[in-house]
Amino acid sequence: MLNKIFNLIIALMIFVVLFTALDDSIQIWHGKEDSIPVTVNTLAGPGSGGIFTDYIFSFEVLSLLLLAALIGSLYVARKEA
């Protein structure tokens, strides 16, 4: 019973911290509507030097490496179980 009360207190404290952080962020960003608009063409369009122009090969190799790691971890986990 004491453990459940302790867990409840910790959860409430985390909720209060997160709520306070969100409330402060709203007050900090209030009045900053005149920001610079960002579009897809400015990030990844031709001539912008985005991720899909300069680093496409590295991006694809990394995705294949992560896929191989995922399949390997599933194979190892199934083999032990």
Protein backbone atom coordinates (compact mmCIF):
# COMPACT_ATOMS: atom_id res chain seq x y z
CA MET A 1 0.00 0.00 0.00
CA LEU A 2 2.83 2.37 0.83
CA ASN A 3 4.46 1.61 -2.51
CA LYS A 4 1.30 2.61 -4.42
CA ILE A 5 1.07 5.90 -2.52
CA PHE A 6 4.73 6.62 -3.25
CA ASN A 7 4.19 5.89 -6.97
CA LEU A 8 1.14 8.17 -7.02
CA ILE A 9 3.11 11.01 -5.45
CA ILE A 10 5.92 10.60 -7.99
CA ALA A 11 3.42 10.54 -10.89
CA LEU A 12 1.70 13.70 -9.62
CA MET A 13 5.04 15.47 -9.27
CA ILE A 14 5.98 14.57 -12.84
CA PHE A 15 2.58 15.81 -14.05
CA VAL A 16 3.05 19.12 -12.23
CA VAL A 17 6.53 19.61 -13.71
CA LEU A 18 5.30 18.86 -17.24
CA PHE A 19 2.26 21.09 -16.86
CA THR A 20 4.41 23.94 -15.54
CA ALA A 21 6.86 23.54 -18.42
CA LEU A 22 4.04 23.67 -20.98
CA ASP A 23 2.49 26.68 -19.32
CA ASP A 24 5.82 28.52 -19.34
CA SER A 25 6.41 27.68 -22.99
CA ILE A 26 3.08 29.22 -23.95
CA GLN A 27 4.01 32.42 -22.14
CA ILE A 28 7.48 32.49 -23.73
CA TRP A 29 6.19 32.01 -27.29
CA HIS A 30 3.29 34.43 -26.91
CA GLY A 31 3.54 37.27 -29.38
CA LYS A 32 6.00 35.61 -31.74
CA GLU A 33 3.59 35.09 -34.63
CA ASP A 34 5.82 37.01 -37.04
CA SER A 35 8.16 34.07 -37.55
CA ILE A 36 9.71 33.07 -40.86
CA PRO A 37 7.62 30.51 -42.75
CA VAL A 38 9.39 27.24 -43.59
CA THR A 39 8.26 25.20 -46.57
CA VAL A 40 9.28 21.83 -47.94
CA ASN A 41 11.11 23.46 -50.84
CA THR A 42 13.35 25.46 -48.50
CA LEU A 43 14.31 22.31 -46.59
CA ALA A 44 14.59 19.66 -49.29
CA GLY A 45 14.02 21.38 -52.58
CA PRO A 46 16.46 21.53 -55.48
CA GLY A 47 19.39 23.82 -54.86
CA SER A 48 18.75 24.14 -51.15
CA GLY A 49 21.33 21.56 -50.07
CA GLY A 50 18.83 19.62 -47.99
CA ILE A 51 18.98 16.04 -46.76
CA PHE A 52 17.62 14.59 -50.00
CA THR A 53 20.28 16.19 -52.19
CA ASP A 54 23.62 15.89 -50.39
CA TYR A 55 23.09 13.00 -48.00
CA ILE A 56 20.70 10.65 -49.83
CA PHE A 57 23.20 7.79 -50.12
CA SER A 58 24.11 7.94 -46.41
CA PHE A 59 20.43 8.10 -45.54
CA GLU A 60 19.63 4.98 -47.55
CA VAL A 61 22.61 3.02 -46.17
CA LEU A 62 21.59 3.92 -42.63
CA SER A 63 18.01 2.80 -43.26
CA LEU A 64 19.23 -0.57 -44.56
CA LEU A 65 21.55 -0.96 -41.57
CA LEU A 66 18.71 -0.25 -39.13
CA LEU A 67 16.44 -2.69 -40.97
CA ALA A 68 19.11 -5.40 -40.76
CA ALA A 69 19.59 -4.72 -37.03
CA LEU A 70 15.83 -4.98 -36.45
CA ILE A 71 15.56 -8.28 -38.31
CA GLY A 72 18.63 -9.63 -36.50
CA SER A 73 17.28 -8.68 -33.09
CA LEU A 74 13.95 -10.37 -33.87
CA TYR A 75 15.79 -13.49 -34.97
CA VAL A 76 17.92 -13.59 -31.79
CA ALA A 77 14.92 -12.95 -29.53
CA ARG A 78 12.87 -15.69 -31.19
CA LYS A 79 15.73 -18.17 -31.07
CA GLU A 80 16.19 -17.78 -27.27
CA ALA A 81 12.49 -17.92 -26.43
